[in-house]
């Protein structure tokens, strides 16, 4: 009886493994472009990062509320 319970527990716990996160095949979609490659940034990565930082500041309640 103990052998059966041990075997059943082994089978049930065997299903608790982690699923692999890597992709099984290569990406088959369109080629990816950089977010700063198009207008209004036209490839200027520094301007894009500055705009994203400014946008994040507007979403921070501590920075939006006047003192």
Protein backbone atom coordinates (compact mmCIF):
# COMPACT_ATOMS: atom_id res chain seq x y z
CA UNK A 1 0.00 0.00 0.00
CA UNK A 2 2.83 2.38 0.87
CA UNK A 3 4.49 1.55 -2.44
CA UNK A 4 1.31 2.46 -4.34
CA UNK A 5 0.96 5.78 -2.49
CA UNK A 6 4.63 6.55 -3.08
CA UNK A 7 4.34 5.75 -6.79
CA UNK A 8 1.16 7.85 -7.11
CA UNK A 9 2.82 10.78 -5.36
CA UNK A 10 5.85 10.45 -7.64
CA UNK A 11 3.65 10.52 -10.75
CA UNK A 12 1.59 13.48 -9.52
CA UNK A 13 4.64 15.51 -8.51
CA UNK A 14 6.30 14.68 -11.81
CA UNK A 15 3.78 16.91 -13.55
CA UNK A 16 4.96 19.92 -11.52
CA UNK A 17 8.01 20.65 -13.65
CA UNK A 18 8.73 24.02 -15.21
CA UNK A 19 7.77 24.53 -18.83
CA UNK A 20 10.69 25.61 -21.04
CA UNK A 21 10.54 29.34 -21.84
CA UNK A 22 12.64 29.32 -25.00
CA UNK A 23 10.94 29.48 -28.36
CA UNK A 24 10.81 26.15 -30.20
CA UNK A 25 11.36 27.82 -33.60
CA UNK A 26 12.70 31.06 -34.95
CA UNK A 27 10.58 34.19 -35.27
CA UNK A 28 8.51 33.94 -38.46
CA UNK A 29 6.86 37.38 -38.40
CA UNK A 30 7.84 40.70 -39.88
CA UNK A 31 11.25 42.12 -39.18
CA UNK A 32 11.30 44.36 -36.15
CA UNK A 33 12.12 48.05 -36.38
CA UNK A 34 13.43 50.28 -33.62
CA UNK A 35 10.77 52.52 -32.00
CA UNK A 36 12.92 55.59 -32.63
CA UNK A 37 13.54 54.82 -36.32
CA UNK A 38 10.41 56.55 -37.66
CA UNK A 39 9.11 60.10 -37.37
CA UNK A 40 9.25 62.22 -35.16
CA UNK A 41 12.64 60.94 -33.96
CA UNK A 42 14.15 59.80 -37.31
CA UNK A 43 16.75 57.57 -35.68
CA UNK A 44 17.72 59.88 -32.81
CA UNK A 45 17.85 57.46 -29.90
CA UNK A 46 18.76 60.14 -27.33
CA UNK A 47 15.71 62.25 -28.23
CA UNK A 48 13.50 59.15 -28.01
CA UNK A 49 14.82 58.24 -24.55
CA UNK A 50 14.35 61.83 -23.36
CA UNK A 51 10.76 61.85 -24.63
CA UNK A 52 10.04 58.56 -22.84
CA UNK A 53 11.52 59.92 -19.61
CA UNK A 54 9.39 63.07 -19.90
CA UNK A 55 6.32 60.91 -20.54
CA UNK A 56 7.07 58.82 -17.44
CA UNK A 57 7.37 62.02 -15.38
CA UNK A 58 3.85 63.04 -16.42
CA UNK A 59 2.57 59.69 -15.14
CA UNK A 60 4.17 60.11 -11.70
CA UNK A 61 1.64 61.71 -9.33
CA UNK A 62 4.36 63.07 -7.06
CA UNK A 63 5.85 65.05 -9.93
CA UNK A 64 2.55 66.15 -11.50
CA UNK A 65 0.97 67.74 -8.42
CA UNK A 66 2.23 71.29 -7.81
CA UNK A 67 3.81 71.90 -4.44
